[in-house]
PDB file of all heavy atoms in Angstrom:
ATOM      1  N   ILE A   1     -54.345 161.742  67.638  1.00  0.00           N
ATOM      2  CA  ILE A   1     -55.095 162.585  68.570  1.00  0.00           C
ATOM      3  C   ILE A   1     -54.557 162.438  69.992  1.00  0.00           C
ATOM      4  O   ILE A   1     -54.413 163.426  70.726  1.00  0.00           O
ATOM      5  CB  ILE A   1     -56.599 162.242  68.506  1.00  0.00           C
ATOM      6  CG1 ILE A   1     -57.174 162.720  67.181  1.00  0.00           C
ATOM      7  CG2 ILE A   1     -57.340 162.871  69.669  1.00  0.00           C
ATOM      8  CD1 ILE A   1     -58.632 162.445  67.004  1.00  0.00           C
ATOM      9  N   SER A   2     -54.208 161.217  70.380  1.00  0.00           N
ATOM     10  CA  SER A   2     -53.651 161.016  71.707  1.00  0.00           C
ATOM     11  C   SER A   2     -52.314 161.744  71.853  1.00  0.00           C
ATOM     12  O   SER A   2     -52.033 162.350  72.903  1.00  0.00           O
ATOM     13  CB  SER A   2     -53.469 159.516  71.963  1.00  0.00           C
ATOM     14  OG  SER A   2     -52.982 159.283  73.259  1.00  0.00           O
ATOM     15  N   PHE A   3     -51.502 161.725  70.814  1.00  0.00           N
ATOM     16  CA  PHE A   3     -50.212 162.412  70.832  1.00  0.00           C
ATOM     17  C   PHE A   3     -50.406 163.929  70.955  1.00  0.00           C
ATOM     18  O   PHE A   3     -49.746 164.604  71.756  1.00  0.00           O
ATOM     19  CB  PHE A   3     -49.454 162.061  69.546  1.00  0.00           C
ATOM     20  CG  PHE A   3     -48.056 162.587  69.490  1.00  0.00           C
ATOM     21  CD1 PHE A   3     -47.001 161.874  70.021  1.00  0.00           C
ATOM     22  CD2 PHE A   3     -47.789 163.815  68.897  1.00  0.00           C
ATOM     23  CE1 PHE A   3     -45.705 162.361  69.961  1.00  0.00           C
ATOM     24  CE2 PHE A   3     -46.503 164.314  68.839  1.00  0.00           C
ATOM     25  CZ  PHE A   3     -45.459 163.590  69.377  1.00  0.00           C
ATOM     26  N   VAL A   4     -51.345 164.470  70.174  1.00  0.00           N
ATOM     27  CA  VAL A   4     -51.588 165.920  70.188  1.00  0.00           C
ATOM     28  C   VAL A   4     -52.155 166.370  71.537  1.00  0.00           C
ATOM     29  O   VAL A   4     -51.732 167.403  72.096  1.00  0.00           O
ATOM     30  CB  VAL A   4     -52.529 166.299  69.033  1.00  0.00           C
ATOM     31  CG1 VAL A   4     -52.979 167.752  69.159  1.00  0.00           C
ATOM     32  CG2 VAL A   4     -51.835 166.090  67.691  1.00  0.00           C
ATOM     33  N   LEU A   5     -53.092 165.631  72.091  1.00  0.00           N
ATOM     34  CA  LEU A   5     -53.683 166.013  73.377  1.00  0.00           C
ATOM     35  C   LEU A   5     -52.648 166.006  74.501  1.00  0.00           C
ATOM     36  O   LEU A   5     -52.678 166.874  75.391  1.00  0.00           O
ATOM     37  CB  LEU A   5     -54.840 165.074  73.716  1.00  0.00           C
ATOM     38  CG  LEU A   5     -56.106 165.210  72.858  1.00  0.00           C
ATOM     39  CD1 LEU A   5     -57.133 164.152  73.251  1.00  0.00           C
ATOM     40  CD2 LEU A   5     -56.704 166.595  73.003  1.00  0.00           C
ATOM     41  N   ALA A   6     -51.732 165.049  74.467  1.00  0.00           N
ATOM     42  CA  ALA A   6     -50.694 165.000  75.501  1.00  0.00           C
ATOM     43  C   ALA A   6     -49.815 166.251  75.456  1.00  0.00           C
ATOM     44  O   ALA A   6     -49.467 166.823  76.501  1.00  0.00           O
ATOM     45  CB  ALA A   6     -49.843 163.745  75.325  1.00  0.00           C
ATOM     46  N   TRP A   7     -49.491 166.718  74.246  1.00  0.00           N
ATOM     47  CA  TRP A   7     -48.646 167.910  74.139  1.00  0.00           C
ATOM     48  C   TRP A   7     -49.426 169.194  74.433  1.00  0.00           C
ATOM     49  O   TRP A   7     -48.847 170.174  74.922  1.00  0.00           O
ATOM     50  CB  TRP A   7     -48.007 167.981  72.749  1.00  0.00           C
ATOM     51  CG  TRP A   7     -46.784 167.130  72.668  1.00  0.00           C
ATOM     52  CD1 TRP A   7     -46.669 165.899  72.105  1.00  0.00           C
ATOM     53  CD2 TRP A   7     -45.498 167.448  73.215  1.00  0.00           C
ATOM     54  NE1 TRP A   7     -45.398 165.416  72.248  1.00  0.00           N
ATOM     55  CE2 TRP A   7     -44.650 166.351  72.921  1.00  0.00           C
ATOM     56  CE3 TRP A   7     -44.976 168.535  73.910  1.00  0.00           C
ATOM     57  CZ2 TRP A   7     -43.313 166.327  73.317  1.00  0.00           C
ATOM     58  CZ3 TRP A   7     -43.648 168.505  74.305  1.00  0.00           C
ATOM     59  CH2 TRP A   7     -42.825 167.416  74.004  1.00  0.00           C
ATOM     60  N   ILE A   8     -50.724 169.211  74.147  1.00  0.00           N
ATOM     61  CA  ILE A   8     -51.532 170.382  74.520  1.00  0.00           C
ATOM     62  C   ILE A   8     -51.600 170.515  76.044  1.00  0.00           C
ATOM     63  O   ILE A   8     -51.527 171.631  76.595  1.00  0.00           O
ATOM     64  CB  ILE A   8     -52.940 170.284  73.916  1.00  0.00           C
ATOM     65  CG1 ILE A   8     -52.869 170.440  72.383  1.00  0.00           C
ATOM     66  CG2 ILE A   8     -53.856 171.352  74.495  1.00  0.00           C
ATOM     67  CD1 ILE A   8     -54.205 170.286  71.693  1.00  0.00           C
ATOM     68  N   GLU A   9     -51.725 169.402  76.745  1.00  0.00           N
ATOM     69  CA  GLU A   9     -51.721 169.440  78.209  1.00  0.00           C
ATOM     70  C   GLU A   9     -50.399 169.978  78.739  1.00  0.00           C
ATOM     71  O   GLU A   9     -50.372 170.779  79.691  1.00  0.00           O
ATOM     72  CB  GLU A   9     -51.983 168.036  78.754  1.00  0.00           C
ATOM     73  CG  GLU A   9     -53.394 167.535  78.514  1.00  0.00           C
ATOM     74  CD  GLU A   9     -53.528 166.050  78.754  1.00  0.00           C
ATOM     75  OE1 GLU A   9     -52.508 165.387  79.015  1.00  0.00           O
ATOM     76  OE2 GLU A   9     -54.671 165.545  78.678  1.00  0.00           O
ATOM     77  N   THR A  10     -49.297 169.563  78.121  1.00  0.00           N
ATOM     78  CA  THR A  10     -47.991 170.079  78.534  1.00  0.00           C
ATOM     79  C   THR A  10     -47.894 171.580  78.296  1.00  0.00           C
ATOM     80  O   THR A  10     -47.386 172.339  79.149  1.00  0.00           O
ATOM     81  CB  THR A  10     -46.878 169.357  77.763  1.00  0.00           C
ATOM     82  OG1 THR A  10     -47.012 167.943  77.961  1.00  0.00           O
ATOM     83  CG2 THR A  10     -45.504 169.798  78.243  1.00  0.00           C
ATOM     84  N   TRP A  11     -48.364 172.037  77.164  1.00  0.00           N
ATOM     85  CA  TRP A  11     -48.315 173.465  76.856  1.00  0.00           C
ATOM     86  C   TRP A  11     -49.177 174.264  77.834  1.00  0.00           C
ATOM     87  O   TRP A  11     -48.760 175.327  78.308  1.00  0.00           O
ATOM     88  CB  TRP A  11     -48.794 173.695  75.427  1.00  0.00           C
ATOM     89  CG  TRP A  11     -48.870 175.142  75.059  1.00  0.00           C
ATOM     90  CD1 TRP A  11     -47.850 175.958  74.673  1.00  0.00           C
ATOM     91  CD2 TRP A  11     -50.051 175.956  75.055  1.00  0.00           C
ATOM     92  NE1 TRP A  11     -48.307 177.222  74.433  1.00  0.00           N
ATOM     93  CE2 TRP A  11     -49.659 177.252  74.660  1.00  0.00           C
ATOM     94  CE3 TRP A  11     -51.390 175.708  75.344  1.00  0.00           C
ATOM     95  CZ2 TRP A  11     -50.564 178.296  74.546  1.00  0.00           C
ATOM     96  CZ3 TRP A  11     -52.292 176.744  75.250  1.00  0.00           C
ATOM     97  CH2 TRP A  11     -51.882 178.025  74.847  1.00  0.00           C
ATOM     98  N   LEU A  12     -50.376 173.763  78.148  1.00  0.00           N
ATOM     99  CA  LEU A  12     -51.258 174.475  79.078  1.00  0.00           C
ATOM    100  C   LEU A  12     -50.609 174.634  80.450  1.00  0.00           C
ATOM    101  O   LEU A  12     -50.640 175.718  81.049  1.00  0.00           O
ATOM    102  CB  LEU A  12     -52.582 173.721  79.218  1.00  0.00           C
ATOM    103  CG  LEU A  12     -53.650 173.954  78.153  1.00  0.00           C
ATOM    104  CD1 LEU A  12     -54.852 173.052  78.404  1.00  0.00           C
ATOM    105  CD2 LEU A  12     -54.086 175.404  78.138  1.00  0.00           C
ATOM    106  N   LEU A  13     -50.012 173.563  80.947  1.00  0.00           N
ATOM    107  CA  LEU A  13     -49.432 173.636  82.286  1.00  0.00           C
ATOM    108  C   LEU A  13     -48.191 174.529  82.314  1.00  0.00           C
ATOM    109  O   LEU A  13     -48.034 175.362  83.209  1.00  0.00           O
ATOM    110  CB  LEU A  13     -49.073 172.234  82.775  1.00  0.00           C
ATOM    111  CG  LEU A  13     -48.535 172.191  84.202  1.00  0.00           C
ATOM    112  CD1 LEU A  13     -49.667 172.329  85.204  1.00  0.00           C
ATOM    113  CD2 LEU A  13     -47.756 170.917  84.465  1.00  0.00           C
ATOM    114  N   ASP A  14     -47.318 174.361  81.327  1.00  0.00           N
ATOM    115  CA  ASP A  14     -46.032 175.047  81.369  1.00  0.00           C
ATOM    116  C   ASP A  14     -46.127 176.522  80.998  1.00  0.00           C
ATOM    117  O   ASP A  14     -45.357 177.346  81.503  1.00  0.00           O
ATOM    118  CB  ASP A  14     -45.051 174.338  80.435  1.00  0.00           C
ATOM    119  CG  ASP A  14     -43.610 174.667  80.779  1.00  0.00           C
ATOM    120  OD1 ASP A  14     -43.354 175.078  81.924  1.00  0.00           O
ATOM    121  OD2 ASP A  14     -42.742 174.523  79.899  1.00  0.00           O
ATOM    122  N   PHE A  15     -47.069 176.879  80.128  1.00  0.00           N
ATOM    123  CA  PHE A  15     -47.142 178.256  79.646  1.00  0.00           C
ATOM    124  C   PHE A  15     -48.347 179.036  80.176  1.00  0.00           C
ATOM    125  O   PHE A  15     -48.402 180.256  79.990  1.00  0.00           O
ATOM    126  CB  PHE A  15     -47.175 178.281  78.116  1.00  0.00           C
ATOM    127  CG  PHE A  15     -45.876 177.873  77.488  1.00  0.00           C
ATOM    128  CD1 PHE A  15     -45.658 176.560  77.118  1.00  0.00           C
ATOM    129  CD2 PHE A  15     -44.861 178.791  77.285  1.00  0.00           C
ATOM    130  CE1 PHE A  15     -44.460 176.170  76.541  1.00  0.00           C
ATOM    131  CE2 PHE A  15     -43.668 178.421  76.706  1.00  0.00           C
ATOM    132  CZ  PHE A  15     -43.460 177.094  76.339  1.00  0.00           C
ATOM    133  N   LYS A  16     -49.283 178.353  80.795  1.00  0.00           N
ATOM    134  CA  LYS A  16     -50.475 179.037  81.301  1.00  0.00           C
ATOM    135  C   LYS A  16     -50.648 178.877  82.816  1.00  0.00           C
ATOM    136  O   LYS A  16     -50.770 179.863  83.542  1.00  0.00           O
ATOM    137  CB  LYS A  16     -51.734 178.508  80.587  1.00  0.00           C
ATOM    138  CG  LYS A  16     -51.779 178.807  79.103  1.00  0.00           C
ATOM    139  CD  LYS A  16     -51.892 180.294  78.841  1.00  0.00           C
ATOM    140  CE  LYS A  16     -51.991 180.601  77.354  1.00  0.00           C
ATOM    141  NZ  LYS A  16     -52.086 182.058  77.101  1.00  0.00           N
ATOM    142  N   VAL A  17     -50.680 177.637  83.286  1.00  0.00           N
ATOM    143  CA  VAL A  17     -51.035 177.389  84.686  1.00  0.00           C
ATOM    144  C   VAL A  17     -49.943 177.884  85.633  1.00  0.00           C
ATOM    145  O   VAL A  17     -50.194 178.716  86.512  1.00  0.00           O
ATOM    146  CB  VAL A  17     -51.321 175.893  84.915  1.00  0.00           C
ATOM    147  CG1 VAL A  17     -51.626 175.634  86.387  1.00  0.00           C
ATOM    148  CG2 VAL A  17     -52.490 175.436  84.053  1.00  0.00           C
ATOM    149  N   LEU A  18     -48.735 177.383  85.466  1.00  0.00           N
ATOM    150  CA  LEU A  18     -47.664 177.720  86.399  1.00  0.00           C
ATOM    151  C   LEU A  18     -47.290 179.205  86.375  1.00  0.00           C
ATOM    152  O   LEU A  18     -47.160 179.823  87.441  1.00  0.00           O
ATOM    153  CB  LEU A  18     -46.442 176.841  86.125  1.00  0.00           C
ATOM    154  CG  LEU A  18     -46.661 175.331  86.326  1.00  0.00           C
ATOM    155  CD1 LEU A  18     -45.372 174.567  86.065  1.00  0.00           C
ATOM    156  CD2 LEU A  18     -47.186 175.040  87.723  1.00  0.00           C
ATOM    157  N   PRO A  19     -47.117 179.860  85.194  1.00  0.00           N
ATOM    158  CA  PRO A  19     -46.825 181.304  85.226  1.00  0.00           C
ATOM    159  C   PRO A  19     -47.938 182.143  85.830  1.00  0.00           C
ATOM    160  O   PRO A  19     -47.682 183.090  86.581  1.00  0.00           O
ATOM    161  CB  PRO A  19     -46.603 181.649  83.735  1.00  0.00           C
ATOM    162  CG  PRO A  19     -46.231 180.372  83.090  1.00  0.00           C
ATOM    163  CD  PRO A  19     -47.000 179.328  83.821  1.00  0.00           C
ATOM    164  N   GLN A  20     -49.202 181.810  85.527  1.00  0.00           N
ATOM    165  CA  GLN A  20     -50.322 182.581  86.069  1.00  0.00           C
ATOM    166  C   GLN A  20     -50.413 182.425  87.582  1.00  0.00           C
ATOM    167  O   GLN A  20     -50.662 183.390  88.308  1.00  0.00           O
ATOM    168  CB  GLN A  20     -51.629 182.132  85.412  1.00  0.00           C
ATOM    169  CG  GLN A  20     -52.849 182.906  85.862  1.00  0.00           C
ATOM    170  CD  GLN A  20     -52.797 184.356  85.440  1.00  0.00           C
ATOM    171  OE1 GLN A  20     -52.375 184.653  84.333  1.00  0.00           O
ATOM    172  NE2 GLN A  20     -53.213 185.255  86.310  1.00  0.00           N
ATOM    173  N   GLU A  21     -50.183 181.215  88.085  1.00  0.00           N
ATOM    174  CA  GLU A  21     -50.240 181.006  89.530  1.00  0.00           C
ATOM    175  C   GLU A  21     -49.078 181.695  90.239  1.00  0.00           C
ATOM    176  O   GLU A  21     -49.251 182.206  91.351  1.00  0.00           O
ATOM    177  CB  GLU A  21     -50.244 179.508  89.837  1.00  0.00           C
ATOM    178  CG  GLU A  21     -51.557 178.836  89.506  1.00  0.00           C
ATOM    179  CD  GLU A  21     -51.604 177.404  89.978  1.00  0.00           C
ATOM    180  OE1 GLU A  21     -50.552 176.838  90.307  1.00  0.00           O
ATOM    181  OE2 GLU A  21     -52.714 176.843  90.011  1.00  0.00           O
ATOM    182  N   ASN A  22     -47.904 181.725  89.618  1.00  0.00           N
ATOM    183  CA  ASN A  22     -46.784 182.458  90.218  1.00  0.00           C
ATOM    184  C   ASN A  22     -47.085 183.954  90.285  1.00  0.00           C
ATOM    185  O   ASN A  22     -46.776 184.623  91.282  1.00  0.00           O
ATOM    186  CB  ASN A  22     -45.511 182.206  89.412  1.00  0.00           C
ATOM    187  CG  ASN A  22     -44.998 180.791  89.581  1.00  0.00           C
ATOM    188  OD1 ASN A  22     -45.243 180.147  90.595  1.00  0.00           O
ATOM    189  ND2 ASN A  22     -44.290 180.291  88.579  1.00  0.00           N
ATOM    190  N   GLU A  23     -47.699 184.472  89.235  1.00  0.00           N
ATOM    191  CA  GLU A  23     -48.064 185.892  89.238  1.00  0.00           C
ATOM    192  C   GLU A  23     -49.117 186.183  90.299  1.00  0.00           C
ATOM    193  O   GLU A  23     -49.023 187.195  91.020  1.00  0.00           O
ATOM    194  CB  GLU A  23     -48.590 186.279  87.855  1.00  0.00           C
ATOM    195  CG  GLU A  23     -48.943 187.749  87.715  1.00  0.00           C
ATOM    196  CD  GLU A  23     -49.458 188.086  86.326  1.00  0.00           C
ATOM    197  OE1 GLU A  23     -49.356 187.218  85.430  1.00  0.00           O
ATOM    198  OE2 GLU A  23     -49.970 189.208  86.142  1.00  0.00           O
ATOM    199  N   ASP A  24     -50.113 185.311  90.433  1.00  0.00           N
ATOM    200  CA  ASP A  24     -51.137 185.497  91.468  1.00  0.00           C
ATOM    201  C   ASP A  24     -50.539 185.389  92.871  1.00  0.00           C
ATOM    202  O   ASP A  24     -50.935 186.124  93.780  1.00  0.00           O
ATOM    203  CB  ASP A  24     -52.252 184.462  91.304  1.00  0.00           C
ATOM    204  CG  ASP A  24     -53.053 184.667  90.023  1.00  0.00           C
ATOM    205  OD1 ASP A  24     -52.975 185.774  89.459  1.00  0.00           O
ATOM    206  OD2 ASP A  24     -53.729 183.719  89.582  1.00  0.00           O
ATOM    207  N   GLU A  25     -49.579 184.489  93.050  1.00  0.00           N
ATOM    208  CA  GLU A  25     -48.938 184.330  94.348  1.00  0.00           C
ATOM    209  C   GLU A  25     -48.139 185.575  94.722  1.00  0.00           C
ATOM    210  O   GLU A  25     -48.174 186.024  95.880  1.00  0.00           O
ATOM    211  CB  GLU A  25     -48.018 183.102  94.325  1.00  0.00           C
ATOM    212  CG  GLU A  25     -47.292 182.839  95.641  1.00  0.00           C
ATOM    213  CD  GLU A  25     -48.224 182.406  96.751  1.00  0.00           C
ATOM    214  OE1 GLU A  25     -49.337 181.910  96.451  1.00  0.00           O
ATOM    215  OE2 GLU A  25     -47.841 182.580  97.928  1.00  0.00           O
ATOM    216  N   ASN A  26     -47.436 186.152  93.754  1.00  0.00           N
ATOM    217  CA  ASN A  26     -46.681 187.376  94.021  1.00  0.00           C
ATOM    218  C   ASN A  26     -47.605 188.536  94.365  1.00  0.00           C
ATOM    219  O   ASN A  26     -47.322 189.333  95.268  1.00  0.00           O
ATOM    220  CB  ASN A  26     -45.817 187.727  92.809  1.00  0.00           C
ATOM    221  CG  ASN A  26     -44.717 186.708  92.574  1.00  0.00           C
ATOM    222  OD1 ASN A  26     -44.273 186.028  93.507  1.00  0.00           O
ATOM    223  ND2 ASN A  26     -44.283 186.569  91.321  1.00  0.00           N
ATOM    224  N   ARG A  27     -48.738 188.637  93.644  1.00  0.00           N
ATOM    225  CA  ARG A  27     -49.697 189.695  93.938  1.00  0.00           C
ATOM    226  C   ARG A  27     -50.301 189.515  95.329  1.00  0.00           C
ATOM    227  O   ARG A  27     -50.451 190.478  96.086  1.00  0.00           O
ATOM    228  CB  ARG A  27     -50.789 189.710  92.872  1.00  0.00           C
ATOM    229  CG  ARG A  27     -51.755 190.877  92.998  1.00  0.00           C
ATOM    230  CD  ARG A  27     -52.895 190.793  91.998  1.00  0.00           C
ATOM    231  NE  ARG A  27     -52.408 190.792  90.630  1.00  0.00           N
ATOM    232  CZ  ARG A  27     -52.486 189.748  89.805  1.00  0.00           C
ATOM    233  NH1 ARG A  27     -53.035 188.619  90.241  1.00  0.00           N
ATOM    234  NH2 ARG A  27     -52.041 189.825  88.580  1.00  0.00           N
ATOM    235  N   TYR A  28     -50.646 188.287  95.660  1.00  0.00           N
ATOM    236  CA  TYR A  28     -51.227 188.010  96.979  1.00  0.00           C
ATOM    237  C   TYR A  28     -50.230 188.321  98.090  1.00  0.00           C
ATOM    238  O   TYR A  28     -50.588 188.912  99.118  1.00  0.00           O
ATOM    239  CB  TYR A  28     -51.644 186.539  97.039  1.00  0.00           C
ATOM    240  CG  TYR A  28     -52.146 186.082  98.385  1.00  0.00           C
ATOM    241  CD1 TYR A  28     -53.441 186.375  98.800  1.00  0.00           C
ATOM    242  CD2 TYR A  28     -51.330 185.347  99.229  1.00  0.00           C
ATOM    243  CE1 TYR A  28     -53.900 185.958 100.035  1.00  0.00           C
ATOM    244  CE2 TYR A  28     -51.788 184.926 100.460  1.00  0.00           C
ATOM    245  CZ  TYR A  28     -53.071 185.225 100.862  1.00  0.00           C
ATOM    246  OH  TYR A  28     -53.515 184.804 102.080  1.00  0.00           O
ATOM    247  N   GLN A  29     -48.957 187.970  97.878  1.00  0.00           N
ATOM    248  CA  GLN A  29     -47.943 188.227  98.888  1.00  0.00           C
ATOM    249  C   GLN A  29     -47.701 189.716  99.073  1.00  0.00           C
ATOM    250  O   GLN A  29     -47.500 190.204 100.194  1.00  0.00           O
ATOM    251  CB  GLN A  29     -46.634 187.524  98.499  1.00  0.00           C
ATOM    252  CG  GLN A  29     -45.596 187.506  99.606  1.00  0.00           C
ATOM    253  CD  GLN A  29     -46.075 186.736 100.821  1.00  0.00           C
ATOM    254  OE1 GLN A  29     -46.727 185.711 100.691  1.00  0.00           O
ATOM    255  NE2 GLN A  29     -45.741 187.226 102.011  1.00  0.00           N
ATOM    256  N   SER A  30     -47.743 190.464  97.968  1.00  0.00           N
ATOM    257  CA  SER A  30     -47.561 191.912  98.070  1.00  0.00           C
ATOM    258  C   SER A  30     -48.710 192.556  98.834  1.00  0.00           C
ATOM    259  O   SER A  30     -48.507 193.488  99.626  1.00  0.00           O
ATOM    260  CB  SER A  30     -47.441 192.523  96.677  1.00  0.00           C
ATOM    261  OG  SER A  30     -48.631 192.338  95.933  1.00  0.00           O
ATOM    262  N   ILE A  31     -49.933 192.072  98.631  1.00  0.00           N
ATOM    263  CA  ILE A  31     -51.082 192.601  99.369  1.00  0.00           C
ATOM    264  C   ILE A  31     -50.960 192.282 100.853  1.00  0.00           C
ATOM    265  O   ILE A  31     -51.213 193.129 101.717  1.00  0.00           O
ATOM    266  CB  ILE A  31     -52.395 192.036  98.792  1.00  0.00           C
ATOM    267  CG1 ILE A  31     -52.633 192.573  97.381  1.00  0.00           C
ATOM    268  CG2 ILE A  31     -53.573 192.393  99.678  1.00  0.00           C
ATOM    269  CD1 ILE A  31     -53.836 191.966  96.695  1.00  0.00           C
ATOM    270  N   MET A  32     -50.530 191.052 101.176  1.00  0.00           N
ATOM    271  CA  MET A  32     -50.366 190.689 102.578  1.00  0.00           C
ATOM    272  C   MET A  32     -49.265 191.506 103.247  1.00  0.00           C
ATOM    273  O   MET A  32     -49.396 191.930 104.396  1.00  0.00           O
ATOM    274  CB  MET A  32     -50.038 189.192 102.683  1.00  0.00           C
ATOM    275  CG  MET A  32     -51.190 188.264 102.305  1.00  0.00           C
ATOM    276  SD  MET A  32     -52.614 188.403 103.413  1.00  0.00           S
ATOM    277  CE  MET A  32     -53.701 189.433 102.423  1.00  0.00           C
ATOM    278  N   ASP A  33     -48.161 191.747 102.530  1.00  0.00           N
ATOM    279  CA  ASP A  33     -47.090 192.569 103.094  1.00  0.00           C
ATOM    280  C   ASP A  33     -47.559 194.003 103.326  1.00  0.00           C
ATOM    281  O   ASP A  33     -47.205 194.633 104.326  1.00  0.00           O
ATOM    282  CB  ASP A  33     -45.882 192.558 102.156  1.00  0.00           C
ATOM    283  CG  ASP A  33     -45.249 191.178 102.065  1.00  0.00           C
ATOM    284  OD1 ASP A  33     -45.485 190.362 102.981  1.00  0.00           O
ATOM    285  OD2 ASP A  33     -44.531 190.899 101.078  1.00  0.00           O
ATOM    286  N   ALA A  34     -48.367 194.510 102.376  1.00  0.00           N
ATOM    287  CA  ALA A  34     -48.865 195.881 102.525  1.00  0.00           C
ATOM    288  C   ALA A  34     -49.791 196.006 103.730  1.00  0.00           C
ATOM    289  O   ALA A  34     -49.740 196.987 104.468  1.00  0.00           O
ATOM    290  CB  ALA A  34     -49.583 196.325 101.258  1.00  0.00           C
ATOM    291  N   THR A  35     -50.641 195.014 103.954  1.00  0.00           N
ATOM    292  CA  THR A  35     -51.552 195.068 105.102  1.00  0.00           C
ATOM    293  C   THR A  35     -50.804 194.899 106.418  1.00  0.00           C
ATOM    294  O   THR A  35     -51.210 195.453 107.445  1.00  0.00           O
ATOM    295  CB  THR A  35     -52.624 193.982 104.983  1.00  0.00           C
ATOM    296  OG1 THR A  35     -51.990 192.695 104.811  1.00  0.00           O
ATOM    297  CG2 THR A  35     -53.533 194.251 103.803  1.00  0.00           C
ATOM    298  N   GLU A  36     -49.705 194.146 106.406  1.00  0.00           N
ATOM    299  CA  GLU A  36     -48.934 193.988 107.634  1.00  0.00           C
ATOM    300  C   GLU A  36     -48.155 195.255 107.981  1.00  0.00           C
ATOM    301  O   GLU A  36     -47.926 195.539 109.153  1.00  0.00           O
ATOM    302  CB  GLU A  36     -47.968 192.812 107.490  1.00  0.00           C
ATOM    303  CG  GLU A  36     -48.663 191.451 107.496  1.00  0.00           C
ATOM    304  CD  GLU A  36     -47.694 190.323 107.272  1.00  0.00           C
ATOM    305  OE1 GLU A  36     -46.475 190.618 107.096  1.00  0.00           O
ATOM    306  OE2 GLU A  36     -48.120 189.158 107.271  1.00  0.00           O
ATOM    307  N   ARG A  37     -47.736 196.011 106.958  1.00  0.00           N
ATOM    308  CA  ARG A  37     -46.993 197.238 107.228  1.00  0.00           C
ATOM    309  C   ARG A  37     -47.878 198.371 107.723  1.00  0.00           C
ATOM    310  O   ARG A  37     -47.406 199.287 108.378  1.00  0.00           O
ATOM    311  CB  ARG A  37     -46.258 197.688 105.950  1.00  0.00           C
ATOM    312  CG  ARG A  37     -45.043 196.835 105.609  1.00  0.00           C
ATOM    313  CD  ARG A  37     -44.183 197.549 104.591  1.00  0.00           C
ATOM    314  NE  ARG A  37     -44.898 197.745 103.352  1.00  0.00           N
ATOM    315  CZ  ARG A  37     -44.856 196.911 102.321  1.00  0.00           C
ATOM    316  NH1 ARG A  37     -44.134 195.807 102.401  1.00  0.00           N
ATOM    317  NH2 ARG A  37     -45.527 197.173 101.211  1.00  0.00           N
ATOM    318  N   VAL A  38     -49.175 198.326 107.426  1.00  0.00           N
ATOM    319  CA  VAL A  38     -50.083 199.387 107.872  1.00  0.00           C
ATOM    320  C   VAL A  38     -50.338 199.227 109.367  1.00  0.00           C
ATOM    321  O   VAL A  38     -50.765 198.162 109.804  1.00  0.00           O
ATOM    322  CB  VAL A  38     -51.410 199.333 107.092  1.00  0.00           C
ATOM    323  CG1 VAL A  38     -52.396 200.338 107.648  1.00  0.00           C
ATOM    324  CG2 VAL A  38     -51.161 199.606 105.618  1.00  0.00           C
ATOM    325  N   PRO A  39     -50.072 200.251 110.214  1.00  0.00           N
ATOM    326  CA  PRO A  39     -50.313 200.115 111.659  1.00  0.00           C
ATOM    327  C   PRO A  39     -51.801 200.038 111.951  1.00  0.00           C
ATOM    328  O   PRO A  39     -52.622 200.612 111.238  1.00  0.00           O
ATOM    329  CB  PRO A  39     -49.702 201.404 112.240  1.00  0.00           C
ATOM    330  CG  PRO A  39     -49.754 202.385 111.099  1.00  0.00           C
ATOM    331  CD  PRO A  39     -49.551 201.571 109.846  1.00  0.00           C
ATOM    332  N   PRO A  40     -52.181 199.323 113.001  1.00  0.00           N
ATOM    333  CA  PRO A  40     -53.611 199.238 113.360  1.00  0.00           C
ATOM    334  C   PRO A  40     -54.132 200.594 113.801  1.00  0.00           C
ATOM    335  O   PRO A  40     -53.479 201.335 114.526  1.00  0.00           O
ATOM    336  CB  PRO A  40     -53.628 198.232 114.520  1.00  0.00           C
ATOM    337  CG  PRO A  40     -52.240 198.275 115.068  1.00  0.00           C
ATOM    338  CD  PRO A  40     -51.323 198.557 113.908  1.00  0.00           C
TER     339      PRO A  40
END
């Protein structure tokens, strides 16, 4: 069980956490760029 849980944690971080956060960061950056390009 300890062996399996350690590998599940690795799978969660590498295939879920990091890709999802990179996608959210790109979306957030695109929104910020769009708001900066709009003149006041």
